[in-house]
N, C-alpha and C. Protein backbone atom coordinates (compact mmCIF):
# COMPACT_ATOMS: atom_id res chain seq x y z
N GLU A 1 7.30 -12.98 -11.08
CA GLU A 1 6.48 -13.86 -11.90
C GLU A 1 7.33 -14.97 -12.51
N ARG A 2 8.56 -14.68 -12.84
CA ARG A 2 9.47 -15.68 -13.42
C ARG A 2 9.64 -16.88 -12.50
N PHE A 3 9.70 -16.62 -11.18
CA PHE A 3 9.94 -17.69 -10.22
C PHE A 3 8.66 -18.13 -9.51
N GLY A 4 7.52 -17.58 -9.90
CA GLY A 4 6.27 -17.96 -9.29
C GLY A 4 6.10 -17.45 -7.88
N CYS A 5 6.74 -16.34 -7.56
CA CYS A 5 6.70 -15.78 -6.20
C CYS A 5 5.63 -14.71 -6.08
N ARG A 6 5.14 -14.57 -4.86
CA ARG A 6 4.28 -13.44 -4.51
C ARG A 6 5.05 -12.56 -3.53
N ALA A 7 4.84 -11.25 -3.63
CA ALA A 7 5.54 -10.28 -2.77
C ALA A 7 4.54 -9.60 -1.85
N PHE A 8 4.99 -9.37 -0.62
CA PHE A 8 4.16 -8.74 0.41
C PHE A 8 4.99 -7.62 1.01
N SER A 9 4.51 -6.38 0.91
CA SER A 9 5.27 -5.22 1.38
C SER A 9 4.61 -4.60 2.61
N VAL A 10 5.44 -4.19 3.56
CA VAL A 10 4.94 -3.52 4.76
C VAL A 10 5.64 -2.18 4.90
N ASP A 11 4.87 -1.11 5.05
CA ASP A 11 5.42 0.24 5.22
C ASP A 11 4.55 0.98 6.21
N PRO A 12 5.15 1.70 7.17
CA PRO A 12 4.34 2.42 8.17
C PRO A 12 3.72 3.71 7.65
N VAL A 13 4.20 4.22 6.51
CA VAL A 13 3.77 5.53 6.01
C VAL A 13 2.65 5.36 4.99
N LEU A 14 1.50 5.94 5.26
CA LEU A 14 0.32 5.80 4.40
C LEU A 14 0.61 6.28 2.98
N GLU A 15 1.28 7.43 2.86
CA GLU A 15 1.56 7.98 1.53
C GLU A 15 2.43 7.04 0.71
N ASN A 16 3.39 6.38 1.35
CA ASN A 16 4.23 5.42 0.62
C ASN A 16 3.41 4.25 0.09
N ASN A 17 2.48 3.77 0.89
CA ASN A 17 1.63 2.67 0.45
C ASN A 17 0.71 3.09 -0.68
N GLU A 18 0.18 4.30 -0.60
CA GLU A 18 -0.69 4.79 -1.66
C GLU A 18 0.06 4.91 -2.98
N ARG A 19 1.28 5.46 -2.92
CA ARG A 19 2.10 5.57 -4.12
C ARG A 19 2.48 4.18 -4.63
N GLY A 20 2.77 3.28 -3.71
CA GLY A 20 3.10 1.91 -4.10
C GLY A 20 1.94 1.23 -4.81
N GLN A 21 0.72 1.46 -4.32
CA GLN A 21 -0.45 0.88 -4.96
C GLN A 21 -0.60 1.38 -6.38
N GLU A 22 -0.31 2.66 -6.60
CA GLU A 22 -0.39 3.21 -7.95
C GLU A 22 0.62 2.54 -8.88
N LEU A 23 1.84 2.37 -8.39
CA LEU A 23 2.88 1.75 -9.21
C LEU A 23 2.57 0.28 -9.49
N VAL A 24 2.08 -0.42 -8.47
CA VAL A 24 1.74 -1.83 -8.64
C VAL A 24 0.62 -2.00 -9.66
N ALA A 25 -0.35 -1.11 -9.61
CA ALA A 25 -1.49 -1.20 -10.53
C ALA A 25 -1.05 -1.04 -11.99
N GLU A 26 0.04 -0.32 -12.21
CA GLU A 26 0.52 -0.07 -13.57
C GLU A 26 1.41 -1.19 -14.10
N HIS A 27 1.85 -2.11 -13.21
CA HIS A 27 2.84 -3.13 -13.61
C HIS A 27 2.15 -4.43 -14.00
N GLU A 28 2.71 -5.10 -15.00
CA GLU A 28 2.10 -6.34 -15.49
C GLU A 28 2.09 -7.45 -14.45
N SER A 29 3.00 -7.38 -13.47
CA SER A 29 3.04 -8.39 -12.41
C SER A 29 2.44 -7.87 -11.11
N GLY A 30 1.69 -6.79 -11.21
CA GLY A 30 1.12 -6.17 -10.02
C GLY A 30 0.20 -7.07 -9.23
N HIS A 31 -0.42 -8.03 -9.90
CA HIS A 31 -1.34 -8.95 -9.21
C HIS A 31 -0.62 -9.87 -8.24
N LEU A 32 0.72 -9.90 -8.32
CA LEU A 32 1.50 -10.74 -7.42
C LEU A 32 2.01 -9.98 -6.20
N VAL A 33 1.65 -8.70 -6.10
CA VAL A 33 2.18 -7.84 -5.04
C VAL A 33 1.04 -7.36 -4.15
N GLU A 34 1.26 -7.47 -2.84
CA GLU A 34 0.30 -6.97 -1.86
C GLU A 34 1.00 -5.99 -0.93
N LEU A 35 0.39 -4.83 -0.71
CA LEU A 35 0.97 -3.81 0.17
C LEU A 35 0.06 -3.59 1.36
N ARG A 36 0.66 -3.53 2.55
CA ARG A 36 -0.10 -3.26 3.76
C ARG A 36 0.64 -2.24 4.62
N GLN A 37 -0.13 -1.49 5.38
CA GLN A 37 0.47 -0.55 6.32
C GLN A 37 0.79 -1.31 7.60
N GLY A 38 2.02 -1.12 8.09
CA GLY A 38 2.45 -1.80 9.30
C GLY A 38 3.89 -1.49 9.60
N THR A 39 4.44 -2.15 10.60
CA THR A 39 5.83 -1.93 10.99
C THR A 39 6.52 -3.27 11.16
N ILE A 40 7.85 -3.24 11.20
CA ILE A 40 8.61 -4.47 11.40
C ILE A 40 8.40 -5.04 12.79
N GLU A 41 8.03 -4.17 13.75
CA GLU A 41 7.78 -4.65 15.11
C GLU A 41 6.40 -5.30 15.25
N GLN A 42 5.53 -5.08 14.27
CA GLN A 42 4.19 -5.67 14.30
C GLN A 42 3.75 -5.94 12.86
N ILE A 43 4.28 -7.00 12.28
CA ILE A 43 4.01 -7.33 10.88
C ILE A 43 2.60 -7.91 10.75
N PRO A 44 1.76 -7.34 9.88
CA PRO A 44 0.38 -7.81 9.73
C PRO A 44 0.30 -9.08 8.89
N ALA A 45 0.81 -10.19 9.43
CA ALA A 45 0.80 -11.47 8.73
C ALA A 45 0.80 -12.61 9.74
N GLU A 46 0.33 -13.77 9.29
CA GLU A 46 0.26 -14.93 10.16
C GLU A 46 1.64 -15.57 10.35
N ASP A 47 1.77 -16.38 11.38
CA ASP A 47 3.02 -17.11 11.63
C ASP A 47 3.37 -17.98 10.41
N GLY A 48 4.66 -18.01 10.07
CA GLY A 48 5.13 -18.89 9.01
C GLY A 48 4.58 -18.59 7.63
N SER A 49 4.26 -17.33 7.36
CA SER A 49 3.62 -16.97 6.09
C SER A 49 4.59 -16.92 4.91
N PHE A 50 5.89 -16.68 5.18
CA PHE A 50 6.81 -16.38 4.08
C PHE A 50 8.05 -17.26 4.13
N GLN A 51 8.65 -17.44 2.95
CA GLN A 51 9.91 -18.16 2.85
C GLN A 51 11.11 -17.22 2.91
N LEU A 52 10.86 -15.95 2.60
CA LEU A 52 11.96 -14.97 2.57
C LEU A 52 11.48 -13.62 3.04
N VAL A 53 12.29 -12.96 3.86
CA VAL A 53 12.05 -11.57 4.28
C VAL A 53 13.25 -10.75 3.83
N PHE A 54 12.98 -9.59 3.23
CA PHE A 54 14.05 -8.71 2.74
C PHE A 54 13.93 -7.35 3.40
N SER A 55 15.06 -6.83 3.87
CA SER A 55 15.09 -5.51 4.50
C SER A 55 16.29 -4.74 3.98
N ARG A 56 16.07 -3.47 3.61
CA ARG A 56 17.19 -2.66 3.13
C ARG A 56 17.15 -1.27 3.77
N ASP A 57 18.26 -0.89 4.37
CA ASP A 57 18.48 0.47 4.86
C ASP A 57 17.36 0.99 5.74
N MET A 58 16.84 0.16 6.64
CA MET A 58 15.80 0.66 7.53
C MET A 58 15.96 0.24 8.98
N LEU A 59 16.79 -0.78 9.24
CA LEU A 59 16.94 -1.25 10.62
C LEU A 59 17.58 -0.20 11.51
N GLY A 60 18.32 0.72 10.93
CA GLY A 60 18.95 1.77 11.70
C GLY A 60 17.97 2.72 12.36
N HIS A 61 16.73 2.71 11.88
CA HIS A 61 15.72 3.62 12.43
C HIS A 61 14.77 2.92 13.41
N ILE A 62 15.08 1.65 13.74
CA ILE A 62 14.20 0.87 14.61
C ILE A 62 14.69 0.94 16.05
N GLU A 63 13.80 1.35 16.95
CA GLU A 63 14.17 1.44 18.36
C GLU A 63 14.39 0.06 18.96
N ASP A 64 13.46 -0.86 18.72
CA ASP A 64 13.54 -2.19 19.33
C ASP A 64 13.90 -3.21 18.26
N LEU A 65 15.19 -3.35 18.00
CA LEU A 65 15.65 -4.27 16.96
C LEU A 65 15.32 -5.72 17.32
N ALA A 66 15.44 -6.06 18.59
CA ALA A 66 15.15 -7.44 19.02
C ALA A 66 13.72 -7.82 18.67
N LEU A 67 12.78 -6.92 18.94
CA LEU A 67 11.38 -7.20 18.62
C LEU A 67 11.18 -7.31 17.12
N GLY A 68 11.82 -6.39 16.36
CA GLY A 68 11.68 -6.41 14.91
C GLY A 68 12.18 -7.70 14.29
N LEU A 69 13.35 -8.16 14.72
CA LEU A 69 13.90 -9.40 14.17
C LEU A 69 13.09 -10.61 14.63
N SER A 70 12.58 -10.57 15.84
CA SER A 70 11.74 -11.67 16.33
C SER A 70 10.45 -11.77 15.51
N GLU A 71 9.90 -10.62 15.13
CA GLU A 71 8.71 -10.61 14.27
C GLU A 71 9.02 -11.19 12.90
N CYS A 72 10.18 -10.85 12.37
CA CYS A 72 10.58 -11.41 11.07
C CYS A 72 10.71 -12.92 11.15
N ARG A 73 11.29 -13.40 12.24
CA ARG A 73 11.40 -14.86 12.43
C ARG A 73 10.02 -15.49 12.55
N ARG A 74 9.11 -14.81 13.23
CA ARG A 74 7.75 -15.35 13.42
C ARG A 74 7.05 -15.59 12.09
N VAL A 75 7.17 -14.64 11.16
CA VAL A 75 6.43 -14.76 9.90
C VAL A 75 7.15 -15.64 8.88
N LEU A 76 8.37 -16.08 9.19
CA LEU A 76 9.09 -16.98 8.29
C LEU A 76 8.70 -18.44 8.55
N SER A 77 8.63 -19.20 7.48
CA SER A 77 8.40 -20.63 7.62
C SER A 77 9.68 -21.30 8.11
N PRO A 78 9.61 -22.50 8.68
CA PRO A 78 10.82 -23.18 9.14
C PRO A 78 11.87 -23.28 8.03
N GLY A 79 13.09 -22.88 8.36
CA GLY A 79 14.16 -22.88 7.37
C GLY A 79 14.18 -21.67 6.47
N GLY A 80 13.25 -20.75 6.67
CA GLY A 80 13.19 -19.54 5.85
C GLY A 80 14.38 -18.63 6.11
N ALA A 81 14.56 -17.66 5.21
CA ALA A 81 15.74 -16.79 5.29
C ALA A 81 15.33 -15.32 5.33
N MET A 82 16.21 -14.52 5.90
CA MET A 82 16.06 -13.07 5.90
C MET A 82 17.32 -12.47 5.29
N VAL A 83 17.14 -11.65 4.26
CA VAL A 83 18.24 -10.97 3.60
C VAL A 83 18.23 -9.52 4.04
N ILE A 84 19.36 -9.06 4.55
CA ILE A 84 19.46 -7.71 5.11
C ILE A 84 20.59 -6.95 4.44
N PHE A 85 20.27 -5.79 3.90
CA PHE A 85 21.27 -4.87 3.35
C PHE A 85 21.27 -3.66 4.28
N GLU A 86 22.39 -3.43 4.96
CA GLU A 86 22.43 -2.36 5.95
C GLU A 86 23.83 -1.75 6.00
N VAL A 87 23.89 -0.49 6.43
CA VAL A 87 25.17 0.22 6.57
C VAL A 87 25.55 0.24 8.05
N PHE A 88 26.82 -0.06 8.32
CA PHE A 88 27.32 -0.09 9.69
C PHE A 88 28.57 0.78 9.82
N ALA A 89 28.86 1.18 11.06
CA ALA A 89 30.07 1.95 11.33
C ALA A 89 31.28 1.02 11.32
N THR A 90 32.41 1.56 10.90
CA THR A 90 33.68 0.84 11.00
C THR A 90 34.48 1.45 12.15
N PRO A 91 35.59 0.83 12.57
CA PRO A 91 36.40 1.40 13.65
C PRO A 91 36.96 2.78 13.33
N MET A 92 36.94 3.18 12.06
CA MET A 92 37.45 4.50 11.69
C MET A 92 36.53 5.63 12.13
N LEU A 93 35.25 5.33 12.35
CA LEU A 93 34.28 6.36 12.74
C LEU A 93 34.42 6.63 14.23
N THR A 94 34.67 7.89 14.60
CA THR A 94 34.85 8.23 16.00
C THR A 94 33.50 8.30 16.71
N PRO A 95 33.48 8.16 18.05
CA PRO A 95 32.23 8.27 18.79
C PRO A 95 31.51 9.60 18.55
N GLU A 96 32.25 10.69 18.46
CA GLU A 96 31.62 11.99 18.22
C GLU A 96 31.02 12.05 16.82
N GLU A 97 31.71 11.51 15.84
CA GLU A 97 31.17 11.47 14.48
C GLU A 97 29.90 10.62 14.43
N LEU A 98 29.92 9.51 15.14
CA LEU A 98 28.75 8.64 15.19
C LEU A 98 27.57 9.36 15.81
N ARG A 99 27.79 10.02 16.94
CA ARG A 99 26.71 10.72 17.62
C ARG A 99 26.09 11.79 16.73
N SER A 100 26.93 12.60 16.10
CA SER A 100 26.45 13.69 15.25
C SER A 100 25.73 13.16 14.02
N LEU A 101 26.30 12.15 13.38
CA LEU A 101 25.70 11.59 12.17
C LEU A 101 24.33 10.98 12.47
N CYS A 102 24.23 10.25 13.56
CA CYS A 102 22.96 9.62 13.90
C CYS A 102 21.90 10.66 14.25
N ALA A 103 22.30 11.74 14.90
CA ALA A 103 21.35 12.80 15.22
C ALA A 103 20.79 13.44 13.96
N ASP A 104 21.63 13.62 12.95
CA ASP A 104 21.21 14.27 11.71
C ASP A 104 20.39 13.36 10.81
N THR A 105 20.56 12.05 10.93
CA THR A 105 19.89 11.11 10.03
C THR A 105 18.82 10.27 10.73
N ALA A 106 18.46 10.64 11.95
CA ALA A 106 17.43 9.93 12.71
C ALA A 106 17.75 8.44 12.82
N THR A 107 19.01 8.14 13.08
CA THR A 107 19.48 6.77 13.20
C THR A 107 19.78 6.46 14.67
N VAL A 108 19.38 5.29 15.13
CA VAL A 108 19.69 4.86 16.49
C VAL A 108 21.16 4.45 16.54
N PRO A 109 22.00 5.10 17.37
CA PRO A 109 23.44 4.82 17.36
C PRO A 109 23.79 3.35 17.51
N GLU A 110 23.07 2.63 18.37
CA GLU A 110 23.37 1.21 18.60
C GLU A 110 23.17 0.37 17.34
N ARG A 111 22.33 0.85 16.42
CA ARG A 111 22.07 0.09 15.19
C ARG A 111 23.26 0.12 14.24
N MET A 112 24.22 0.98 14.49
CA MET A 112 25.40 1.08 13.63
C MET A 112 26.49 0.10 14.04
N SER A 113 26.25 -0.65 15.09
CA SER A 113 27.24 -1.59 15.62
C SER A 113 27.05 -2.98 15.02
N VAL A 114 28.08 -3.49 14.36
CA VAL A 114 28.04 -4.85 13.82
C VAL A 114 27.85 -5.86 14.94
N GLU A 115 28.57 -5.68 16.03
CA GLU A 115 28.52 -6.64 17.13
C GLU A 115 27.12 -6.72 17.73
N ILE A 116 26.50 -5.55 17.97
CA ILE A 116 25.16 -5.54 18.55
C ILE A 116 24.16 -6.19 17.59
N PHE A 117 24.28 -5.88 16.30
CA PHE A 117 23.37 -6.47 15.33
C PHE A 117 23.48 -7.99 15.32
N GLU A 118 24.69 -8.50 15.24
CA GLU A 118 24.87 -9.95 15.14
C GLU A 118 24.42 -10.66 16.41
N GLU A 119 24.67 -10.05 17.57
CA GLU A 119 24.22 -10.64 18.83
C GLU A 119 22.69 -10.65 18.91
N THR A 120 22.07 -9.56 18.45
CA THR A 120 20.61 -9.47 18.49
C THR A 120 19.98 -10.47 17.53
N ALA A 121 20.57 -10.63 16.36
CA ALA A 121 20.06 -11.60 15.38
C ALA A 121 20.12 -13.02 15.94
N ALA A 122 21.23 -13.35 16.59
CA ALA A 122 21.37 -14.68 17.17
C ALA A 122 20.35 -14.91 18.28
N ALA A 123 20.15 -13.89 19.12
CA ALA A 123 19.19 -14.00 20.22
C ALA A 123 17.76 -14.13 19.70
N ALA A 124 17.49 -13.58 18.51
CA ALA A 124 16.16 -13.65 17.92
C ALA A 124 15.89 -14.99 17.24
N GLY A 125 16.92 -15.84 17.16
CA GLY A 125 16.71 -17.16 16.57
C GLY A 125 17.20 -17.31 15.15
N PHE A 126 18.20 -16.51 14.77
CA PHE A 126 18.77 -16.60 13.43
C PHE A 126 20.23 -17.05 13.50
N THR A 127 20.68 -17.72 12.46
CA THR A 127 22.10 -17.96 12.27
C THR A 127 22.54 -17.22 11.02
N ILE A 128 23.79 -16.77 11.00
CA ILE A 128 24.32 -16.07 9.83
C ILE A 128 24.79 -17.12 8.83
N GLU A 129 24.09 -17.19 7.71
CA GLU A 129 24.45 -18.16 6.67
C GLU A 129 25.54 -17.61 5.76
N SER A 130 25.46 -16.32 5.45
CA SER A 130 26.50 -15.71 4.63
C SER A 130 26.56 -14.22 4.91
N LEU A 131 27.70 -13.64 4.59
CA LEU A 131 27.92 -12.20 4.78
C LEU A 131 28.81 -11.70 3.65
N GLU A 132 28.36 -10.61 3.03
CA GLU A 132 29.18 -9.94 2.02
C GLU A 132 29.37 -8.49 2.44
N ILE A 133 30.63 -8.08 2.56
CA ILE A 133 30.94 -6.69 2.90
C ILE A 133 31.27 -5.96 1.61
N LEU A 134 30.52 -4.90 1.34
CA LEU A 134 30.68 -4.15 0.11
C LEU A 134 31.63 -2.98 0.31
N GLY A 135 32.37 -2.64 -0.72
CA GLY A 135 33.21 -1.46 -0.69
C GLY A 135 32.42 -0.22 -1.07
N SER A 136 33.11 0.77 -1.56
CA SER A 136 32.47 2.04 -1.90
C SER A 136 32.13 2.15 -3.38
N GLU A 137 32.13 1.02 -4.10
CA GLU A 137 31.94 1.05 -5.55
C GLU A 137 30.64 1.74 -5.97
N HIS A 138 29.56 1.44 -5.23
CA HIS A 138 28.26 2.00 -5.62
C HIS A 138 28.27 3.52 -5.53
N VAL A 139 28.81 4.04 -4.43
CA VAL A 139 28.86 5.49 -4.26
C VAL A 139 29.82 6.11 -5.28
N GLU A 140 30.94 5.44 -5.52
CA GLU A 140 31.88 5.93 -6.53
C GLU A 140 31.20 6.02 -7.89
N ALA A 141 30.46 4.98 -8.26
CA ALA A 141 29.80 4.96 -9.56
C ALA A 141 28.78 6.08 -9.69
N SER A 142 28.06 6.35 -8.60
CA SER A 142 27.06 7.43 -8.65
C SER A 142 27.72 8.79 -8.80
N GLN A 143 28.92 8.96 -8.24
CA GLN A 143 29.64 10.21 -8.39
C GLN A 143 30.20 10.35 -9.80
N GLU A 144 30.74 9.27 -10.33
CA GLU A 144 31.34 9.31 -11.66
C GLU A 144 30.31 9.49 -12.76
N SER A 145 29.13 8.91 -12.57
CA SER A 145 28.09 8.99 -13.60
C SER A 145 27.25 10.26 -13.49
N GLY A 146 27.34 10.92 -12.34
CA GLY A 146 26.53 12.12 -12.13
C GLY A 146 25.10 11.84 -11.74
N THR A 147 24.79 10.59 -11.39
CA THR A 147 23.42 10.26 -10.99
C THR A 147 23.11 10.67 -9.56
N ALA A 148 24.13 11.06 -8.81
CA ALA A 148 23.95 11.56 -7.44
C ALA A 148 24.71 12.88 -7.31
N PRO A 149 24.35 13.69 -6.33
CA PRO A 149 25.06 14.96 -6.14
C PRO A 149 26.53 14.74 -5.83
N ASN A 150 27.33 15.76 -6.07
CA ASN A 150 28.71 15.76 -5.62
C ASN A 150 28.67 16.06 -4.12
N TYR A 151 28.82 15.02 -3.31
CA TYR A 151 28.57 15.15 -1.88
C TYR A 151 29.56 16.09 -1.20
N LEU A 152 30.80 16.10 -1.65
CA LEU A 152 31.78 16.98 -1.04
C LEU A 152 31.45 18.44 -1.31
N LEU A 153 31.07 18.76 -2.55
CA LEU A 153 30.64 20.12 -2.87
C LEU A 153 29.38 20.49 -2.09
N GLN A 154 28.48 19.53 -1.96
CA GLN A 154 27.23 19.79 -1.24
C GLN A 154 27.52 20.14 0.22
N ILE A 155 28.40 19.37 0.86
CA ILE A 155 28.77 19.66 2.24
C ILE A 155 29.42 21.03 2.34
N SER A 156 30.32 21.34 1.42
CA SER A 156 31.02 22.62 1.44
C SER A 156 30.04 23.78 1.36
N ARG A 157 29.07 23.68 0.47
CA ARG A 157 28.10 24.77 0.30
C ARG A 157 27.13 24.85 1.47
N LEU A 158 26.77 23.70 2.02
CA LEU A 158 25.91 23.71 3.20
C LEU A 158 26.60 24.38 4.38
N ARG A 159 27.88 24.15 4.53
CA ARG A 159 28.64 24.77 5.61
C ARG A 159 28.82 26.27 5.37
N ARG A 160 29.14 26.61 4.14
CA ARG A 160 29.43 28.01 3.82
C ARG A 160 28.18 28.89 3.96
N ALA A 161 27.04 28.36 3.55
CA ALA A 161 25.81 29.15 3.57
C ALA A 161 24.87 28.70 4.69
N ARG A 162 25.45 28.23 5.77
CA ARG A 162 24.66 27.62 6.83
C ARG A 162 23.55 28.53 7.35
N GLU A 163 23.88 29.74 7.71
CA GLU A 163 22.89 30.62 8.34
C GLU A 163 21.74 30.94 7.40
N SER A 164 22.05 31.26 6.16
CA SER A 164 20.98 31.59 5.21
C SER A 164 20.12 30.37 4.88
N LEU A 165 20.74 29.20 4.79
CA LEU A 165 19.98 27.99 4.50
C LEU A 165 19.12 27.57 5.68
N LEU A 166 19.62 27.76 6.89
CA LEU A 166 18.80 27.47 8.06
C LEU A 166 17.55 28.35 8.08
N GLU A 167 17.73 29.60 7.71
CA GLU A 167 16.59 30.52 7.68
C GLU A 167 15.62 30.15 6.56
N GLU A 168 16.17 29.73 5.43
CA GLU A 168 15.33 29.40 4.27
C GLU A 168 14.64 28.05 4.42
N LEU A 169 15.37 27.04 4.87
CA LEU A 169 14.86 25.67 4.89
C LEU A 169 14.30 25.25 6.24
N GLY A 170 14.87 25.78 7.31
CA GLY A 170 14.57 25.30 8.65
C GLY A 170 15.63 24.32 9.11
N GLU A 171 15.72 24.11 10.42
CA GLU A 171 16.81 23.30 10.97
C GLU A 171 16.75 21.84 10.55
N VAL A 172 15.55 21.23 10.62
CA VAL A 172 15.46 19.80 10.33
C VAL A 172 15.82 19.47 8.88
N PRO A 173 15.24 20.15 7.87
CA PRO A 173 15.65 19.86 6.49
C PRO A 173 17.13 20.10 6.25
N TYR A 174 17.68 21.15 6.86
CA TYR A 174 19.11 21.43 6.69
C TYR A 174 19.95 20.28 7.26
N ARG A 175 19.62 19.83 8.46
CA ARG A 175 20.41 18.77 9.09
C ARG A 175 20.28 17.45 8.33
N VAL A 176 19.10 17.19 7.77
CA VAL A 176 18.92 15.97 6.99
C VAL A 176 19.79 16.00 5.73
N MET A 177 19.80 17.13 5.03
CA MET A 177 20.64 17.27 3.84
C MET A 177 22.11 17.10 4.20
N TYR A 178 22.52 17.73 5.27
CA TYR A 178 23.92 17.66 5.70
C TYR A 178 24.29 16.23 6.10
N GLY A 179 23.43 15.61 6.90
CA GLY A 179 23.71 14.26 7.37
C GLY A 179 23.75 13.24 6.24
N ASN A 180 22.84 13.36 5.28
CA ASN A 180 22.82 12.42 4.16
C ASN A 180 24.07 12.56 3.29
N ALA A 181 24.50 13.79 3.06
CA ALA A 181 25.72 14.00 2.27
C ALA A 181 26.94 13.45 3.00
N LEU A 182 27.01 13.72 4.31
CA LEU A 182 28.14 13.23 5.09
C LEU A 182 28.14 11.70 5.16
N TRP A 183 26.96 11.12 5.22
CA TRP A 183 26.82 9.66 5.22
C TRP A 183 27.53 9.05 4.00
N SER A 184 27.28 9.63 2.83
CA SER A 184 27.88 9.11 1.60
C SER A 184 29.39 9.34 1.57
N ILE A 185 29.83 10.47 2.09
CA ILE A 185 31.28 10.72 2.16
C ILE A 185 31.95 9.71 3.08
N TYR A 186 31.33 9.43 4.21
CA TYR A 186 31.89 8.44 5.13
C TYR A 186 31.96 7.05 4.49
N ARG A 187 31.00 6.74 3.63
CA ARG A 187 31.08 5.46 2.92
C ARG A 187 32.26 5.46 1.95
N LEU A 188 32.51 6.59 1.32
CA LEU A 188 33.61 6.67 0.36
C LEU A 188 34.97 6.52 1.04
N ILE A 189 35.10 7.04 2.25
CA ILE A 189 36.41 7.03 2.91
C ILE A 189 36.54 5.92 3.95
N GLY A 190 35.57 5.02 4.00
CA GLY A 190 35.71 3.83 4.83
C GLY A 190 35.26 3.95 6.27
N LYS A 191 34.58 5.03 6.63
CA LYS A 191 34.08 5.14 8.00
C LYS A 191 32.75 4.42 8.17
N LEU A 192 32.06 4.18 7.07
CA LEU A 192 30.86 3.36 7.04
C LEU A 192 31.05 2.28 5.99
N GLU A 193 30.40 1.14 6.20
CA GLU A 193 30.46 0.07 5.20
C GLU A 193 29.10 -0.61 5.07
N SER A 194 28.80 -1.02 3.85
CA SER A 194 27.56 -1.75 3.59
C SER A 194 27.80 -3.24 3.77
N ARG A 195 26.82 -3.91 4.38
CA ARG A 195 26.90 -5.36 4.58
C ARG A 195 25.60 -6.01 4.12
N ILE A 196 25.75 -7.15 3.47
CA ILE A 196 24.59 -7.95 3.09
C ILE A 196 24.64 -9.26 3.87
N TYR A 197 23.67 -9.44 4.74
CA TYR A 197 23.57 -10.67 5.54
C TYR A 197 22.46 -11.56 4.98
N VAL A 198 22.72 -12.85 4.96
CA VAL A 198 21.66 -13.83 4.79
C VAL A 198 21.54 -14.57 6.12
N LEU A 199 20.41 -14.36 6.78
CA LEU A 199 20.14 -15.00 8.06
C LEU A 199 19.18 -16.16 7.85
N ARG A 200 19.44 -17.26 8.51
CA ARG A 200 18.59 -18.44 8.38
C ARG A 200 17.82 -18.66 9.68
N ARG A 201 16.52 -18.86 9.56
CA ARG A 201 15.68 -19.12 10.73
C ARG A 201 16.03 -20.46 11.34
N GLN A 202 16.35 -20.45 12.62
CA GLN A 202 16.67 -21.70 13.32
C GLN A 202 15.40 -22.50 13.61
């Protein structure tokens, strides 16, 4: 409201949209927000509808990144920008670690590659206007403040009680918990890094 902007949200999960509608209805600026069910590969909006597209921590789960980025370019007005916050693998992450981590977190392995991402963005009609590579400060702060679990202890206990937890939780919830904890540890030790891209529509 401060900048006179309207926000348009797209989420494929019905429950997320329903919860979002509840939160929007309670907010004083809720009249400026519209939520629709959809996907990045098929955005329910007209060509050139927006000046800015924002994406955080979701491109890793997209099978067809080229289509998704092309859709984002389609709905941007000429000269519009796309801001992307995403986690990528560094050279420290081994191929086996990448394969296992992606399997546990439902991440497409190719989406963890900086080179593939940048090539795909260029092919979709974007130029990289700016790039900021973040360190592990955010994860460190969450550990120091206690706002997030102690990921190393969590991994240790998940490994130690693996059989009983598999029986109690089931394989998928167990692997998700393990993968998410390992993801944060890899960010702390430099095997993963967060990047913020500003892409400009050509």
